[in-house]
């Protein structure tokens, strides 16, 4: 339906399915709310795929409702294209990890110097 193999420029259908699996997040909260989110460069495509999941989930719910007295799944909101990017800021993450690594190495260097200095003091006091 979405020609994902062509959209994501994947040679094999299996690779497009893997991309879909990695881009889709389906979670169930403690309140039994199912959330479907989709990450893609094309916001409209992401919303359409999320809505496709919801439509099929609703159809499965209708089939299961025949055997149950209460609805098993109810759709609260339809998916809408994202208004802004929600990707991690890689440069900021690298900068933060660099600063943390620098601080950690400084603390480690001071600790090693402290231990060495104490050993030297103990050795000289025994003489």
PDB file of N, CA and C in Angstrom:
ATOM      1  N   UNK A   1       0.818  -1.198   0.000  1.00  0.00           N
ATOM      2  CA  UNK A   1       0.000   0.000   0.000  1.00  0.00           C
ATOM      3  C   UNK A   1       0.862   1.262   0.000  1.00  0.00           C
ATOM      4  N   UNK A   2       1.935   1.258   0.762  1.00  0.00           N
ATOM      5  CA  UNK A   2       2.756   2.464   0.883  1.00  0.00           C
ATOM      6  C   UNK A   2       4.011   2.433   0.016  1.00  0.00           C
ATOM      7  N   UNK A   3       4.290   1.325  -0.653  1.00  0.00           N
ATOM      8  CA  UNK A   3       5.492   1.150  -1.487  1.00  0.00           C
ATOM      9  C   UNK A   3       6.748   1.539  -0.716  1.00  0.00           C
ATOM     10  N   UNK A   4       6.878   0.987   0.479  1.00  0.00           N
ATOM     11  CA  UNK A   4       7.982   1.356   1.361  1.00  0.00           C
ATOM     12  C   UNK A   4       9.344   0.971   0.798  1.00  0.00           C
ATOM     13  N   UNK A   5       9.388  -0.086   0.049  1.00  0.00           N
ATOM     14  CA  UNK A   5      10.649  -0.509  -0.547  1.00  0.00           C
ATOM     15  C   UNK A   5      11.176   0.581  -1.479  1.00  0.00           C
ATOM     16  N   UNK A   6      10.275   1.208  -2.201  1.00  0.00           N
ATOM     17  CA  UNK A   6      10.645   2.282  -3.120  1.00  0.00           C
ATOM     18  C   UNK A   6      10.918   3.579  -2.353  1.00  0.00           C
ATOM     19  N   UNK A   7      10.061   3.880  -1.369  1.00  0.00           N
ATOM     20  CA  UNK A   7      10.200   5.119  -0.596  1.00  0.00           C
ATOM     21  C   UNK A   7      11.530   5.147   0.154  1.00  0.00           C
ATOM     22  N   UNK A   8      11.876   4.028   0.790  1.00  0.00           N
ATOM     23  CA  UNK A   8      13.102   3.961   1.583  1.00  0.00           C
ATOM     24  C   UNK A   8      14.300   3.478   0.769  1.00  0.00           C
ATOM     25  N   UNK A   9      14.103   3.289  -0.524  1.00  0.00           N
ATOM     26  CA  UNK A   9      15.167   2.896  -1.447  1.00  0.00           C
ATOM     27  C   UNK A   9      15.898   1.642  -0.968  1.00  0.00           C
ATOM     28  N   UNK A  10      15.124   0.620  -0.653  1.00  0.00           N
ATOM     29  CA  UNK A  10      15.671  -0.665  -0.215  1.00  0.00           C
ATOM     30  C   UNK A  10      15.611  -1.645  -1.376  1.00  0.00           C
ATOM     31  N   UNK A  11      16.665  -2.397  -1.542  1.00  0.00           N
ATOM     32  CA  UNK A  11      16.720  -3.351  -2.647  1.00  0.00           C
ATOM     33  C   UNK A  11      15.776  -4.526  -2.408  1.00  0.00           C
ATOM     34  N   UNK A  12      15.709  -4.972  -1.154  1.00  0.00           N
ATOM     35  CA  UNK A  12      14.898  -6.135  -0.827  1.00  0.00           C
ATOM     36  C   UNK A  12      13.725  -5.750   0.061  1.00  0.00           C
ATOM     37  N   UNK A  13      12.630  -6.465  -0.119  1.00  0.00           N
ATOM     38  CA  UNK A  13      11.420  -6.221   0.667  1.00  0.00           C
ATOM     39  C   UNK A  13      11.684  -6.439   2.155  1.00  0.00           C
ATOM     40  N   UNK A  14      12.509  -7.430   2.463  1.00  0.00           N
ATOM     41  CA  UNK A  14      12.841  -7.738   3.860  1.00  0.00           C
ATOM     42  C   UNK A  14      13.511  -6.541   4.527  1.00  0.00           C
ATOM     43  N   UNK A  15      14.352  -5.827   3.791  1.00  0.00           N
ATOM     44  CA  UNK A  15      15.019  -4.643   4.331  1.00  0.00           C
ATOM     45  C   UNK A  15      14.023  -3.522   4.608  1.00  0.00           C
ATOM     46  N   UNK A  16      13.023  -3.390   3.747  1.00  0.00           N
ATOM     47  CA  UNK A  16      11.973  -2.384   3.973  1.00  0.00           C
ATOM     48  C   UNK A  16      11.164  -2.736   5.219  1.00  0.00           C
ATOM     49  N   UNK A  17      10.900  -4.028   5.423  1.00  0.00           N
ATOM     50  CA  UNK A  17      10.168  -4.463   6.621  1.00  0.00           C
ATOM     51  C   UNK A  17      10.990  -4.175   7.873  1.00  0.00           C
ATOM     52  N   UNK A  18      12.309  -4.418   7.809  1.00  0.00           N
ATOM     53  CA  UNK A  18      13.182  -4.112   8.953  1.00  0.00           C
ATOM     54  C   UNK A  18      13.162  -2.620   9.261  1.00  0.00           C
ATOM     55  N   UNK A  19      13.208  -1.797   8.208  1.00  0.00           N
ATOM     56  CA  UNK A  19      13.158  -0.342   8.385  1.00  0.00           C
ATOM     57  C   UNK A  19      11.836   0.064   9.031  1.00  0.00           C
ATOM     58  N   UNK A  20      10.743  -0.551   8.584  1.00  0.00           N
ATOM     59  CA  UNK A  20       9.429  -0.265   9.160  1.00  0.00           C
ATOM     60  C   UNK A  20       9.405  -0.654  10.633  1.00  0.00           C
ATOM     61  N   UNK A  21       9.946  -1.814  10.940  1.00  0.00           N
ATOM     62  CA  UNK A  21       9.975  -2.292  12.328  1.00  0.00           C
ATOM     63  C   UNK A  21      10.798  -1.355  13.206  1.00  0.00           C
ATOM     64  N   UNK A  22      11.947  -0.896  12.706  1.00  0.00           N
ATOM     65  CA  UNK A  22      12.804   0.005  13.476  1.00  0.00           C
ATOM     66  C   UNK A  22      12.214   1.404  13.610  1.00  0.00           C
ATOM     67  N   UNK A  23      11.373   1.805  12.668  1.00  0.00           N
ATOM     68  CA  UNK A  23      10.790   3.147  12.682  1.00  0.00           C
ATOM     69  C   UNK A  23       9.491   3.215  13.468  1.00  0.00           C
ATOM     70  N   UNK A  24       8.920   2.067  13.782  1.00  0.00           N
ATOM     71  CA  UNK A  24       7.622   2.019  14.451  1.00  0.00           C
ATOM     72  C   UNK A  24       7.797   1.681  15.919  1.00  0.00           C
ATOM     73  N   UNK A  25       7.051   2.388  16.757  1.00  0.00           N
ATOM     74  CA  UNK A  25       7.062   2.095  18.187  1.00  0.00           C
ATOM     75  C   UNK A  25       5.621   1.925  18.650  1.00  0.00           C
ATOM     76  N   UNK A  26       5.313   0.753  19.148  1.00  0.00           N
ATOM     77  CA  UNK A  26       3.983   0.470  19.683  1.00  0.00           C
ATOM     78  C   UNK A  26       4.165   0.129  21.151  1.00  0.00           C
ATOM     79  N   UNK A  27       3.532   0.903  22.020  1.00  0.00           N
ATOM     80  CA  UNK A  27       3.707   0.711  23.460  1.00  0.00           C
ATOM     81  C   UNK A  27       2.351   0.663  24.155  1.00  0.00           C
ATOM     82  N   UNK A  28       2.316  -0.059  25.261  1.00  0.00           N
ATOM     83  CA  UNK A  28       1.112  -0.144  26.090  1.00  0.00           C
ATOM     84  C   UNK A  28       1.453   0.452  27.446  1.00  0.00           C
ATOM     85  N   UNK A  29       0.694   1.472  27.854  1.00  0.00           N
ATOM     86  CA  UNK A  29       0.960   2.136  29.126  1.00  0.00           C
ATOM     87  C   UNK A  29       0.371   1.335  30.287  1.00  0.00           C
ATOM     88  N   UNK A  30       0.643   1.800  31.503  1.00  0.00           N
ATOM     89  CA  UNK A  30       0.101   1.151  32.699  1.00  0.00           C
ATOM     90  C   UNK A  30      -1.421   1.227  32.735  1.00  0.00           C
ATOM     91  N   UNK A  31      -1.983   2.232  32.062  1.00  0.00           N
ATOM     92  CA  UNK A  31      -3.439   2.396  32.019  1.00  0.00           C
ATOM     93  C   UNK A  31      -4.052   1.611  30.869  1.00  0.00           C
ATOM     94  N   UNK A  32      -3.284   0.733  30.256  1.00  0.00           N
ATOM     95  CA  UNK A  32      -3.707  -0.106  29.127  1.00  0.00           C
ATOM     96  C   UNK A  32      -4.023   0.710  27.877  1.00  0.00           C
ATOM     97  N   UNK A  33      -3.329   1.818  27.707  1.00  0.00           N
ATOM     98  CA  UNK A  33      -3.485   2.640  26.505  1.00  0.00           C
ATOM     99  C   UNK A  33      -2.384   2.251  25.523  1.00  0.00           C
ATOM    100  N   UNK A  34      -2.788   1.910  24.310  1.00  0.00           N
ATOM    101  CA  UNK A  34      -1.835   1.532  23.269  1.00  0.00           C
ATOM    102  C   UNK A  34      -1.476   2.782  22.476  1.00  0.00           C
ATOM    103  N   UNK A  35      -0.187   3.075  22.406  1.00  0.00           N
ATOM    104  CA  UNK A  35       0.242   4.220  21.596  1.00  0.00           C
ATOM    105  C   UNK A  35       1.075   3.708  20.427  1.00  0.00           C
ATOM    106  N   UNK A  36       0.791   4.269  19.267  1.00  0.00           N
ATOM    107  CA  UNK A  36       1.499   3.903  18.043  1.00  0.00           C
ATOM    108  C   UNK A  36       2.208   5.151  17.543  1.00  0.00           C
ATOM    109  N   UNK A  37       3.531   5.067  17.392  1.00  0.00           N
ATOM    110  CA  UNK A  37       4.269   6.201  16.836  1.00  0.00           C
ATOM    111  C   UNK A  37       5.179   5.698  15.726  1.00  0.00           C
ATOM    112  N   UNK A  38       5.405   6.572  14.778  1.00  0.00           N
ATOM    113  CA  UNK A  38       6.171   6.210  13.585  1.00  0.00           C
ATOM    114  C   UNK A  38       7.147   7.333  13.297  1.00  0.00           C
ATOM    115  N   UNK A  39       8.414   6.998  13.077  1.00  0.00           N
ATOM    116  CA  UNK A  39       9.439   7.975  12.768  1.00  0.00           C
ATOM    117  C   UNK A  39       9.830   7.857  11.308  1.00  0.00           C
ATOM    118  N   UNK A  40       9.759   8.961  10.591  1.00  0.00           N
ATOM    119  CA  UNK A  40      10.149   8.961   9.189  1.00  0.00           C
ATOM    120  C   UNK A  40      10.486  10.387   8.778  1.00  0.00           C
ATOM    121  N   UNK A  41      11.312  10.520   7.753  1.00  0.00           N
ATOM    122  CA  UNK A  41      11.617  11.854   7.241  1.00  0.00           C
ATOM    123  C   UNK A  41      10.370  12.500   6.663  1.00  0.00           C
ATOM    124  N   UNK A  42       9.497  11.690   6.093  1.00  0.00           N
ATOM    125  CA  UNK A  42       8.233  12.163   5.525  1.00  0.00           C
ATOM    126  C   UNK A  42       7.158  12.095   6.610  1.00  0.00           C
ATOM    127  N   UNK A  43       6.805  13.258   7.158  1.00  0.00           N
ATOM    128  CA  UNK A  43       5.850  13.307   8.271  1.00  0.00           C
ATOM    129  C   UNK A  43       4.478  12.780   7.877  1.00  0.00           C
ATOM    130  N   UNK A  44       4.066  13.089   6.657  1.00  0.00           N
ATOM    131  CA  UNK A  44       2.750  12.643   6.188  1.00  0.00           C
ATOM    132  C   UNK A  44       2.710  11.122   6.084  1.00  0.00           C
ATOM    133  N   UNK A  45       3.775  10.533   5.552  1.00  0.00           N
ATOM    134  CA  UNK A  45       3.858   9.076   5.448  1.00  0.00           C
ATOM    135  C   UNK A  45       3.816   8.440   6.834  1.00  0.00           C
ATOM    136  N   UNK A  46       4.526   9.030   7.784  1.00  0.00           N
ATOM    137  CA  UNK A  46       4.538   8.498   9.149  1.00  0.00           C
ATOM    138  C   UNK A  46       3.132   8.501   9.739  1.00  0.00           C
ATOM    139  N   UNK A  47       2.400   9.586   9.539  1.00  0.00           N
ATOM    140  CA  UNK A  47       1.028   9.659  10.052  1.00  0.00           C
ATOM    141  C   UNK A  47       0.124   8.648   9.354  1.00  0.00           C
ATOM    142  N   UNK A  48       0.296   8.493   8.044  1.00  0.00           N
ATOM    143  CA  UNK A  48      -0.534   7.528   7.302  1.00  0.00           C
ATOM    144  C   UNK A  48      -0.273   6.095   7.762  1.00  0.00           C
ATOM    145  N   UNK A  49       0.984   5.761   7.995  1.00  0.00           N
ATOM    146  CA  UNK A  49       1.311   4.408   8.456  1.00  0.00           C
ATOM    147  C   UNK A  49       0.764   4.174   9.858  1.00  0.00           C
ATOM    148  N   UNK A  50       0.903   5.166  10.740  1.00  0.00           N
ATOM    149  CA  UNK A  50       0.361   5.025  12.101  1.00  0.00           C
ATOM    150  C   UNK A  50      -1.152   4.853  12.049  1.00  0.00           C
ATOM    151  N   UNK A  51      -1.817   5.627  11.203  1.00  0.00           N
ATOM    152  CA  UNK A  51      -3.272   5.482  11.064  1.00  0.00           C
ATOM    153  C   UNK A  51      -3.639   4.128  10.465  1.00  0.00           C
ATOM    154  N   UNK A  52      -2.804   3.604   9.579  1.00  0.00           N
ATOM    155  CA  UNK A  52      -3.035   2.277   9.008  1.00  0.00           C
ATOM    156  C   UNK A  52      -2.984   1.210  10.103  1.00  0.00           C
ATOM    157  N   UNK A  53      -1.990   1.330  10.975  1.00  0.00           N
ATOM    158  CA  UNK A  53      -1.920   0.421  12.125  1.00  0.00           C
ATOM    159  C   UNK A  53      -3.205   0.509  12.953  1.00  0.00           C
ATOM    160  N   UNK A  54      -3.640   1.745  13.228  1.00  0.00           N
ATOM    161  CA  UNK A  54      -4.832   1.940  14.063  1.00  0.00           C
ATOM    162  C   UNK A  54      -6.088   1.403  13.391  1.00  0.00           C
ATOM    163  N   UNK A  55      -6.209   1.611  12.090  1.00  0.00           N
ATOM    164  CA  UNK A  55      -7.371   1.104  11.360  1.00  0.00           C
ATOM    165  C   UNK A  55      -7.434  -0.413  11.438  1.00  0.00           C
ATOM    166  N   UNK A  56      -6.302  -1.064  11.237  1.00  0.00           N
ATOM    167  CA  UNK A  56      -6.272  -2.522  11.320  1.00  0.00           C
ATOM    168  C   UNK A  56      -6.509  -3.010  12.741  1.00  0.00           C
ATOM    169  N   UNK A  57      -6.005  -2.283  13.712  1.00  0.00           N
ATOM    170  CA  UNK A  57      -6.253  -2.639  15.110  1.00  0.00           C
ATOM    171  C   UNK A  57      -7.737  -2.514  15.431  1.00  0.00           C
ATOM    172  N   UNK A  58      -8.359  -1.471  14.909  1.00  0.00           N
ATOM    173  CA  UNK A  58      -9.798  -1.282  15.120  1.00  0.00           C
ATOM    174  C   UNK A  58     -10.599  -2.387  14.430  1.00  0.00           C
ATOM    175  N   UNK A  59     -10.167  -2.787  13.234  1.00  0.00           N
ATOM    176  CA  UNK A  59     -10.849  -3.865  12.527  1.00  0.00           C
ATOM    177  C   UNK A  59     -10.720  -5.194  13.288  1.00  0.00           C
ATOM    178  N   UNK A  60      -9.542  -5.452  13.817  1.00  0.00           N
ATOM    179  CA  UNK A  60      -9.357  -6.665  14.629  1.00  0.00           C
ATOM    180  C   UNK A  60     -10.218  -6.610  15.883  1.00  0.00           C
ATOM    181  N   UNK A  61     -10.326  -5.414  16.455  1.00  0.00           N
ATOM    182  CA  UNK A  61     -11.157  -5.231  17.638  1.00  0.00           C
ATOM    183  C   UNK A  61     -12.617  -5.548  17.320  1.00  0.00           C
ATOM    184  N   UNK A  62     -13.086  -5.113  16.154  1.00  0.00           N
ATOM    185  CA  UNK A  62     -14.474  -5.387  15.761  1.00  0.00           C
ATOM    186  C   UNK A  62     -14.704  -6.889  15.622  1.00  0.00           C
ATOM    187  N   UNK A  63     -13.722  -7.590  15.091  1.00  0.00           N
ATOM    188  CA  UNK A  63     -13.853  -9.042  14.969  1.00  0.00           C
ATOM    189  C   UNK A  63     -13.853  -9.708  16.337  1.00  0.00           C
ATOM    190  N   UNK A  64     -13.013  -9.231  17.235  1.00  0.00           N
ATOM    191  CA  UNK A  64     -12.942  -9.819  18.574  1.00  0.00           C
ATOM    192  C   UNK A  64     -14.150  -9.451  19.427  1.00  0.00           C
ATOM    193  N   UNK A  65     -14.768  -8.314  19.119  1.00  0.00           N
ATOM    194  CA  UNK A  65     -15.926  -7.854  19.877  1.00  0.00           C
ATOM    195  C   UNK A  65     -17.107  -8.809  19.756  1.00  0.00           C
ATOM    196  N   UNK A  66     -17.131  -9.570  18.693  1.00  0.00           N
ATOM    197  CA  UNK A  66     -18.220 -10.525  18.510  1.00  0.00           C
ATOM    198  C   UNK A  66     -18.248 -11.548  19.636  1.00  0.00           C
ATOM    199  N   UNK A  67     -17.091 -11.832  20.212  1.00  0.00           N
ATOM    200  CA  UNK A  67     -17.023 -12.823  21.287  1.00  0.00           C
ATOM    201  C   UNK A  67     -16.934 -12.186  22.665  1.00  0.00           C
ATOM    202  N   UNK A  68     -16.869 -10.876  22.726  1.00  0.00           N
ATOM    203  CA  UNK A  68     -16.727 -10.198  24.014  1.00  0.00           C
ATOM    204  C   UNK A  68     -17.847  -9.181  24.200  1.00  0.00           C
ATOM    205  N   UNK A  69     -18.209  -8.933  25.461  1.00  0.00           N
ATOM    206  CA  UNK A  69     -19.297  -7.996  25.747  1.00  0.00           C
ATOM    207  C   UNK A  69     -18.833  -6.545  25.694  1.00  0.00           C
ATOM    208  N   UNK A  70     -17.553  -6.284  25.972  1.00  0.00           N
ATOM    209  CA  UNK A  70     -17.067  -4.899  25.966  1.00  0.00           C
ATOM    210  C   UNK A  70     -15.984  -4.735  24.905  1.00  0.00           C
ATOM    211  N   UNK A  71     -15.793  -3.511  24.408  1.00  0.00           N
ATOM    212  CA  UNK A  71     -14.760  -3.304  23.388  1.00  0.00           C
ATOM    213  C   UNK A  71     -13.371  -3.561  23.971  1.00  0.00           C
ATOM    214  N   UNK A  72     -12.543  -4.221  23.204  1.00  0.00           N
ATOM    215  CA  UNK A  72     -11.198  -4.534  23.659  1.00  0.00           C
ATOM    216  C   UNK A  72     -10.260  -3.359  23.394  1.00  0.00           C
ATOM    217  N   UNK A  73     -10.413  -2.720  22.254  1.00  0.00           N
ATOM    218  CA  UNK A  73      -9.575  -1.585  21.884  1.00  0.00           C
ATOM    219  C   UNK A  73     -10.462  -0.454  21.392  1.00  0.00           C
ATOM    220  N   UNK A  74     -10.149   0.770  21.830  1.00  0.00           N
ATOM    221  CA  UNK A  74     -10.881   1.945  21.363  1.00  0.00           C
ATOM    222  C   UNK A  74      -9.859   3.002  20.950  1.00  0.00           C
ATOM    223  N   UNK A  75     -10.003   3.543  19.758  1.00  0.00           N
ATOM    224  CA  UNK A  75      -9.062   4.550  19.265  1.00  0.00           C
ATOM    225  C   UNK A  75      -9.418   5.899  19.873  1.00  0.00           C
ATOM    226  N   UNK A  76      -8.424   6.515  20.530  1.00  0.00           N
ATOM    227  CA  UNK A  76      -8.645   7.813  21.160  1.00  0.00           C
ATOM    228  C   UNK A  76      -8.353   8.963  20.208  1.00  0.00           C
ATOM    229  N   UNK A  77      -7.223   8.912  19.511  1.00  0.00           N
ATOM    230  CA  UNK A  77      -6.822   9.972  18.586  1.00  0.00           C
ATOM    231  C   UNK A  77      -6.249   9.348  17.322  1.00  0.00           C
ATOM    232  N   UNK A  78      -6.473  10.029  16.203  1.00  0.00           N
ATOM    233  CA  UNK A  78      -5.832   9.583  14.971  1.00  0.00           C
ATOM    234  C   UNK A  78      -4.447  10.226  14.903  1.00  0.00           C
ATOM    235  N   UNK A  79      -3.562   9.623  14.155  1.00  0.00           N
ATOM    236  CA  UNK A  79      -2.204  10.150  14.019  1.00  0.00           C
ATOM    237  C   UNK A  79      -2.202  11.371  13.113  1.00  0.00           C
ATOM    238  N   UNK A  80      -1.381  12.348  13.491  1.00  0.00           N
ATOM    239  CA  UNK A  80      -1.206  13.563  12.698  1.00  0.00           C
ATOM    240  C   UNK A  80       0.278  13.715  12.404  1.00  0.00           C
ATOM    241  N   UNK A  81       0.627  14.323  11.281  1.00  0.00           N
ATOM    242  CA  UNK A  81       2.053  14.533  11.002  1.00  0.00           C
ATOM    243  C   UNK A  81       2.697  15.387  12.090  1.00  0.00           C
ATOM    244  N   UNK A  82       3.942  15.086  12.413  1.00  0.00           N
ATOM    245  CA  UNK A  82       4.656  15.834  13.447  1.00  0.00           C
ATOM    246  C   UNK A  82       4.829  17.280  13.010  1.00  0.00           C
ATOM    247  N   UNK A  83       4.740  18.179  13.987  1.00  0.00           N
ATOM    248  CA  UNK A  83       4.886  19.598  13.681  1.00  0.00           C
ATOM    249  C   UNK A  83       6.349  20.029  13.672  1.00  0.00           C
ATOM    250  N   UNK A  84       7.182  19.326  14.441  1.00  0.00           N
ATOM    251  CA  UNK A  84       8.603  19.652  14.464  1.00  0.00           C
ATOM    252  C   UNK A  84       9.411  18.376  14.619  1.00  0.00           C
ATOM    253  N   UNK A  85      10.704  18.467  14.340  1.00  0.00           N
ATOM    254  CA  UNK A  85      11.586  17.317  14.435  1.00  0.00           C
ATOM    255  C   UNK A  85      11.694  16.848  15.878  1.00  0.00           C
ATOM    256  N   UNK A  86      11.871  15.559  16.026  1.00  0.00           N
ATOM    257  CA  UNK A  86      12.055  15.024  17.373  1.00  0.00           C
ATOM    258  C   UNK A  86      13.256  14.088  17.426  1.00  0.00           C
ATOM    259  N   UNK A  87      14.208  14.315  16.566  1.00  0.00           N
ATOM    260  CA  UNK A  87      15.430  13.510  16.546  1.00  0.00           C
ATOM    261  C   UNK A  87      16.382  14.012  17.631  1.00  0.00           C
ATOM    262  N   UNK A  88      17.270  13.149  18.114  1.00  0.00           N
ATOM    263  CA  UNK A  88      18.259  13.606  19.097  1.00  0.00           C
ATOM    264  C   UNK A  88      19.259  14.561  18.451  1.00  0.00           C
ATOM    265  N   UNK A  89      19.760  15.485  19.245  1.00  0.00           N
ATOM    266  CA  UNK A  89      20.752  16.442  18.756  1.00  0.00           C
ATOM    267  C   UNK A  89      22.128  15.818  18.947  1.00  0.00           C
ATOM    268  N   UNK A  90      22.657  15.244  17.887  1.00  0.00           N
ATOM    269  CA  UNK A  90      23.880  14.446  17.964  1.00  0.00           C
ATOM    270  C   UNK A  90      25.069  15.295  18.400  1.00  0.00           C
ATOM    271  N   UNK A  91      25.212  16.497  17.872  1.00  0.00           N
ATOM    272  CA  UNK A  91      26.346  17.351  18.243  1.00  0.00           C
ATOM    273  C   UNK A  91      26.321  17.668  19.731  1.00  0.00           C
ATOM    274  N   UNK A  92      25.138  17.972  20.263  1.00  0.00           N
ATOM    275  CA  UNK A  92      25.017  18.264  21.689  1.00  0.00           C
ATOM    276  C   UNK A  92      25.343  17.029  22.523  1.00  0.00           C
ATOM    277  N   UNK A  93      24.868  15.867  22.102  1.00  0.00           N
ATOM    278  CA  UNK A  93      25.161  14.630  22.833  1.00  0.00           C
ATOM    279  C   UNK A  93      26.657  14.334  22.839  1.00  0.00           C
ATOM    280  N   UNK A  94      27.335  14.565  21.716  1.00  0.00           N
ATOM    281  CA  UNK A  94      28.781  14.337  21.641  1.00  0.00           C
ATOM    282  C   UNK A  94      29.515  15.320  22.543  1.00  0.00           C
ATOM    283  N   UNK A  95      29.095  16.573  22.542  1.00  0.00           N
ATOM    284  CA  UNK A  95      29.717  17.583  23.392  1.00  0.00           C
ATOM    285  C   UNK A  95      29.559  17.223  24.867  1.00  0.00           C
ATOM    286  N   UNK A  96      28.361  16.843  25.266  1.00  0.00           N
ATOM    287  CA  UNK A  96      28.109  16.478  26.664  1.00  0.00           C
ATOM    288  C   UNK A  96      28.936  15.260  27.061  1.00  0.00           C
ATOM    289  N   UNK A  97      28.977  14.248  26.203  1.00  0.00           N
ATOM    290  CA  UNK A  97      29.756  13.053  26.542  1.00  0.00           C
ATOM    291  C   UNK A  97      31.247  13.371  26.599  1.00  0.00           C
ATOM    292  N   UNK A  98      31.729  14.281  25.770  1.00  0.00           N
ATOM    293  CA  UNK A  98      33.131  14.696  25.828  1.00  0.00           C
ATOM    294  C   UNK A  98      33.461  15.397  27.128  1.00  0.00           C
ATOM    295  N   UNK A  99      32.581  16.294  27.565  1.00  0.00           N
ATOM    296  CA  UNK A  99      32.789  17.007  28.829  1.00  0.00           C
ATOM    297  C   UNK A  99      32.767  16.028  29.999  1.00  0.00           C
ATOM    298  N   UNK A 100      31.825  15.101  29.986  1.00  0.00           N
ATOM    299  CA  UNK A 100      31.739  14.104  31.059  1.00  0.00           C
ATOM    300  C   UNK A 100      32.991  13.230  31.072  1.00  0.00           C
ATOM    301  N   UNK A 101      33.470  12.818  29.905  1.00  0.00           N
ATOM    302  CA  UNK A 101      34.688  12.004  29.831  1.00  0.00           C
ATOM    303  C   UNK A 101      35.892  12.777  30.354  1.00  0.00           C
ATOM    304  N   UNK A 102      35.982  14.061  30.027  1.00  0.00           N
ATOM    305  CA  UNK A 102      37.076  14.897  30.518  1.00  0.00           C
ATOM    306  C   UNK A 102      37.032  15.003  32.036  1.00  0.00           C
ATOM    307  N   UNK A 103      35.855  15.283  32.582  1.00  0.00           N
ATOM    308  CA  UNK A 103      35.718  15.377  34.037  1.00  0.00           C
ATOM    309  C   UNK A 103      36.058  14.052  34.710  1.00  0.00           C
ATOM    310  N   UNK A 104      35.591  12.966  34.153  1.00  0.00           N
ATOM    311  CA  UNK A 104      35.873  11.648  34.722  1.00  0.00           C
ATOM    312  C   UNK A 104      37.370  11.358  34.709  1.00  0.00           C
ATOM    313  N   UNK A 105      38.049  11.695  33.607  1.00  0.00           N
ATOM    314  CA  UNK A 105      39.491  11.439  33.524  1.00  0.00           C
ATOM    315  C   UNK A 105      40.261  12.319  34.505  1.00  0.00           C
ATOM    316  N   UNK A 106      39.815  13.569  34.703  1.00  0.00           N
ATOM    317  CA  UNK A 106      40.467  14.437  35.688  1.00  0.00           C
ATOM    318  C   UNK A 106      40.301  13.884  37.103  1.00  0.00           C
ATOM    319  N   UNK A 107      39.106  13.443  37.433  1.00  0.00           N
ATOM    320  CA  UNK A 107      38.856  12.870  38.759  1.00  0.00           C
ATOM    321  C   UNK A 107      39.709  11.621  38.952  1.00  0.00           C
ATOM    322  N   UNK A 108      39.794  10.784  37.933  1.00  0.00           N
ATOM    323  CA  UNK A 108      40.603   9.568  38.007  1.00  0.00           C
ATOM    324  C   UNK A 108      42.081   9.912  38.188  1.00  0.00           C
ATOM    325  N   UNK A 109      42.577  10.918  37.477  1.00  0.00           N
ATOM    326  CA  UNK A 109      43.981  11.326  37.595  1.00  0.00           C
ATOM    327  C   UNK A 109      44.273  11.848  39.000  1.00  0.00           C
ATOM    328  N   UNK A 110      43.384  12.681  39.544  1.00  0.00           N
ATOM    329  CA  UNK A 110      43.576  13.190  40.905  1.00  0.00           C
ATOM    330  C   UNK A 110      43.528  12.061  41.930  1.00  0.00           C
ATOM    331  N   UNK A 111      42.652  11.105  41.736  1.00  0.00           N
ATOM    332  CA  UNK A 111      42.543   9.978  42.662  1.00  0.00           C
ATOM    333  C   UNK A 111      43.812   9.130  42.625  1.00  0.00           C
ATOM    334  N   UNK A 112      44.320   8.847  41.419  1.00  0.00           N
ATOM    335  CA  UNK A 112      45.565   8.066  41.304  1.00  0.00           C
ATOM    336  C   UNK A 112      46.732   8.814  41.941  1.00  0.00           C
ATOM    337  N   UNK A 113      46.790  10.126  41.738  1.00  0.00           N
ATOM    338  CA  UNK A 113      47.844  10.927  42.349  1.00  0.00           C
ATOM    339  C   UNK A 113      47.725  10.892  43.871  1.00  0.00           C
ATOM    340  N   UNK A 114      46.528  10.978  44.377  1.00  0.00           N
ATOM    341  CA  UNK A 114      46.279  10.929  45.824  1.00  0.00           C
ATOM    342  C   UNK A 114      46.743   9.597  46.406  1.00  0.00           C
ATOM    343  N   UNK A 115      46.386   8.497  45.756  1.00  0.00           N
ATOM    344  CA  UNK A 115      46.777   7.165  46.232  1.00  0.00           C
ATOM    345  C   UNK A 115      48.296   7.013  46.194  1.00  0.00           C
ATOM    346  N   UNK A 116      48.924   7.437  45.112  1.00  0.00           N
ATOM    347  CA  UNK A 116      50.383   7.347  44.991  1.00  0.00           C
ATOM    348  C   UNK A 116      51.067   8.188  46.062  1.00  0.00           C
ATOM    349  N   UNK A 117      50.564   9.379  46.281  1.00  0.00           N
ATOM    350  CA  UNK A 117      51.133  10.277  47.292  1.00  0.00           C
ATOM    351  C   UNK A 117      51.011   9.658  48.683  1.00  0.00           C
ATOM    352  N   UNK A 118      49.866   9.063  49.007  1.00  0.00           N
ATOM    353  CA  UNK A 118      49.679   8.425  50.317  1.00  0.00           C
ATOM    354  C   UNK A 118      50.619   7.232  50.485  1.00  0.00           C
ATOM    355  N   UNK A 119      50.824   6.448  49.457  1.00  0.00           N
ATOM    356  CA  UNK A 119      51.751   5.304  49.533  1.00  0.00           C
ATOM    357  C   UNK A 119      53.182   5.786  49.788  1.00  0.00           C
ATOM    358  N   UNK A 120      53.549   6.858  49.106  1.00  0.00           N
ATOM    359  CA  UNK A 120      54.894   7.404  49.306  1.00  0.00           C
ATOM    360  C   UNK A 120      55.057   7.932  50.722  1.00  0.00           C
ATOM    361  N   UNK A 121      54.022   8.579  51.258  1.00  0.00           N
ATOM    362  CA  UNK A 121      54.085   9.086  52.638  1.00  0.00           C
ATOM    363  C   UNK A 121      54.210   7.938  53.630  1.00  0.00           C
ATOM    364  N   UNK A 122      53.442   6.883  53.434  1.00  0.00           N
ATOM    365  CA  UNK A 122      53.500   5.730  54.335  1.00  0.00           C
ATOM    366  C   UNK A 122      54.862   5.050  54.248  1.00  0.00           C
ATOM    367  N   UNK A 123      55.395   4.943  53.049  1.00  0.00           N
ATOM    368  CA  UNK A 123      56.707   4.307  52.878  1.00  0.00           C
ATOM    369  C   UNK A 123      57.805   5.135  53.534  1.00  0.00           C
ATOM    370  N   UNK A 124      57.736   6.457  53.420  1.00  0.00           N
ATOM    371  CA  UNK A 124      58.763   7.320  54.015  1.00  0.00           C
ATOM    372  C   UNK A 124      58.617   7.393  55.532  1.00  0.00           C
ATOM    373  N   UNK A 125      57.403   7.261  56.065  1.00  0.00           N
ATOM    374  CA  UNK A 125      57.212   7.310  57.524  1.00  0.00           C
ATOM    375  C   UNK A 125      57.683   6.021  58.191  1.00  0.00           C
ATOM    376  N   UNK A 126      57.706   4.909  57.468  1.00  0.00           N
ATOM    377  CA  UNK A 126      58.167   3.632  58.014  1.00  0.00           C
ATOM    378  C   UNK A 126      59.691   3.582  58.089  1.00  0.00           C
ATOM    379  N   UNK A 127      60.366   4.384  57.290  1.00  0.00           N
ATOM    380  CA  UNK A 127      61.837   4.374  57.269  1.00  0.00           C
ATOM    381  C   UNK A 127      62.391   5.076  58.425  1.00  0.00           C
TER     382      UNK A 127
END
